């Protein structure tokens, strides 16, 4: 009961975290192309 529950939550957290990090990474990587780093400040 406890072991499977921990693994379930670990997989869910890693999956959601990976999607969020990947989405932020894409937004960050696509953003500088439209505006220069100096203009962004």
N, C-alpha and C. Protein backbone atom coordinates (compact mmCIF):
# COMPACT_ATOMS: atom_id res chain seq x y z
N UNK A 1 0.83 -1.20 0.00
CA UNK A 1 0.00 0.00 0.00
C UNK A 1 0.87 1.26 0.00
N UNK A 2 1.83 1.31 0.93
CA UNK A 2 2.66 2.51 1.02
C UNK A 2 3.66 2.63 -0.11
N UNK A 3 4.28 1.52 -0.50
CA UNK A 3 5.32 1.55 -1.53
C UNK A 3 4.72 1.95 -2.88
N UNK A 4 3.63 1.31 -3.29
CA UNK A 4 3.02 1.61 -4.58
C UNK A 4 2.49 3.04 -4.61
N UNK A 5 2.02 3.52 -3.46
CA UNK A 5 1.50 4.88 -3.38
C UNK A 5 2.63 5.89 -3.60
N UNK A 6 3.79 5.63 -2.99
CA UNK A 6 4.95 6.52 -3.14
C UNK A 6 5.41 6.54 -4.60
N UNK A 7 5.49 5.36 -5.22
CA UNK A 7 5.92 5.29 -6.62
C UNK A 7 4.92 6.01 -7.52
N UNK A 8 3.61 5.85 -7.25
CA UNK A 8 2.57 6.50 -8.06
C UNK A 8 2.73 8.01 -8.00
N UNK A 9 2.85 8.56 -6.79
CA UNK A 9 3.00 10.01 -6.65
C UNK A 9 4.31 10.49 -7.26
N UNK A 10 5.38 9.70 -7.11
CA UNK A 10 6.68 10.09 -7.68
C UNK A 10 6.59 10.19 -9.19
N UNK A 11 5.97 9.21 -9.83
CA UNK A 11 5.84 9.22 -11.29
C UNK A 11 4.97 10.38 -11.75
N UNK A 12 3.87 10.62 -11.04
CA UNK A 12 2.97 11.72 -11.40
C UNK A 12 3.68 13.07 -11.27
N UNK A 13 4.39 13.27 -10.16
CA UNK A 13 5.09 14.54 -9.93
C UNK A 13 6.18 14.75 -10.98
N UNK A 14 6.93 13.70 -11.29
CA UNK A 14 7.99 13.80 -12.30
C UNK A 14 7.39 14.11 -13.67
N UNK A 15 6.29 13.46 -14.01
CA UNK A 15 5.64 13.67 -15.32
C UNK A 15 5.13 15.10 -15.45
N UNK A 16 4.41 15.57 -14.42
CA UNK A 16 3.88 16.94 -14.46
C UNK A 16 5.02 17.95 -14.45
N UNK A 17 6.01 17.71 -13.60
CA UNK A 17 7.16 18.62 -13.53
C UNK A 17 7.91 18.67 -14.86
N UNK A 18 8.05 17.54 -15.51
CA UNK A 18 8.76 17.48 -16.80
C UNK A 18 8.01 18.29 -17.86
N UNK A 19 6.69 18.17 -17.87
CA UNK A 19 5.86 18.92 -18.83
C UNK A 19 5.97 20.42 -18.57
N UNK A 20 5.90 20.82 -17.30
CA UNK A 20 5.98 22.24 -16.94
C UNK A 20 7.35 22.81 -17.30
N UNK A 21 8.41 22.08 -16.93
CA UNK A 21 9.78 22.54 -17.24
C UNK A 21 9.98 22.62 -18.75
N UNK A 22 9.48 21.63 -19.47
CA UNK A 22 9.62 21.64 -20.93
C UNK A 22 8.87 22.80 -21.56
N UNK A 23 7.68 23.11 -21.04
CA UNK A 23 6.88 24.22 -21.56
C UNK A 23 7.58 25.55 -21.30
N UNK A 24 8.09 25.74 -20.07
CA UNK A 24 8.81 26.96 -19.73
C UNK A 24 10.07 27.09 -20.58
N UNK A 25 10.76 25.96 -20.81
CA UNK A 25 11.98 25.97 -21.63
C UNK A 25 11.67 26.40 -23.06
N UNK A 26 10.57 25.90 -23.61
CA UNK A 26 10.19 26.30 -24.97
C UNK A 26 9.84 27.78 -25.03
N UNK A 27 9.08 28.27 -24.07
CA UNK A 27 8.71 29.69 -24.04
C UNK A 27 9.96 30.56 -23.90
N UNK A 28 10.91 30.12 -23.06
CA UNK A 28 12.15 30.87 -22.85
C UNK A 28 13.02 30.86 -24.11
N UNK A 29 13.05 29.72 -24.81
CA UNK A 29 13.89 29.60 -25.99
C UNK A 29 13.28 30.34 -27.19
N UNK A 30 11.96 30.36 -27.28
CA UNK A 30 11.30 31.05 -28.39
C UNK A 30 11.25 32.56 -28.16
N UNK A 31 11.25 32.99 -26.92
CA UNK A 31 11.12 34.42 -26.60
C UNK A 31 12.28 35.28 -27.12
N UNK A 32 13.56 34.91 -26.91
CA UNK A 32 14.68 35.76 -27.35
C UNK A 32 14.71 35.99 -28.86
N UNK A 33 14.13 35.09 -29.66
CA UNK A 33 14.15 35.25 -31.11
C UNK A 33 13.33 36.46 -31.54
N UNK A 34 12.22 36.73 -30.82
CA UNK A 34 11.36 37.85 -31.18
C UNK A 34 11.94 39.18 -30.70
N UNK A 35 12.51 39.18 -29.49
CA UNK A 35 13.07 40.41 -28.93
C UNK A 35 14.52 40.17 -28.48
N UNK A 36 15.33 41.19 -28.58
CA UNK A 36 16.72 41.08 -28.15
C UNK A 36 16.80 41.08 -26.62
N UNK A 37 17.88 40.53 -26.07
CA UNK A 37 18.02 40.48 -24.61
C UNK A 37 18.08 41.89 -24.01
N UNK A 38 18.70 42.83 -24.71
CA UNK A 38 18.80 44.20 -24.20
C UNK A 38 17.43 44.87 -24.20
N UNK A 39 16.61 44.61 -25.22
CA UNK A 39 15.28 45.21 -25.30
C UNK A 39 14.34 44.60 -24.27
N UNK A 40 14.60 43.37 -23.88
CA UNK A 40 13.72 42.67 -22.94
C UNK A 40 13.83 43.25 -21.52
N UNK A 41 14.95 43.84 -21.19
CA UNK A 41 15.14 44.41 -19.84
C UNK A 41 14.32 45.68 -19.64
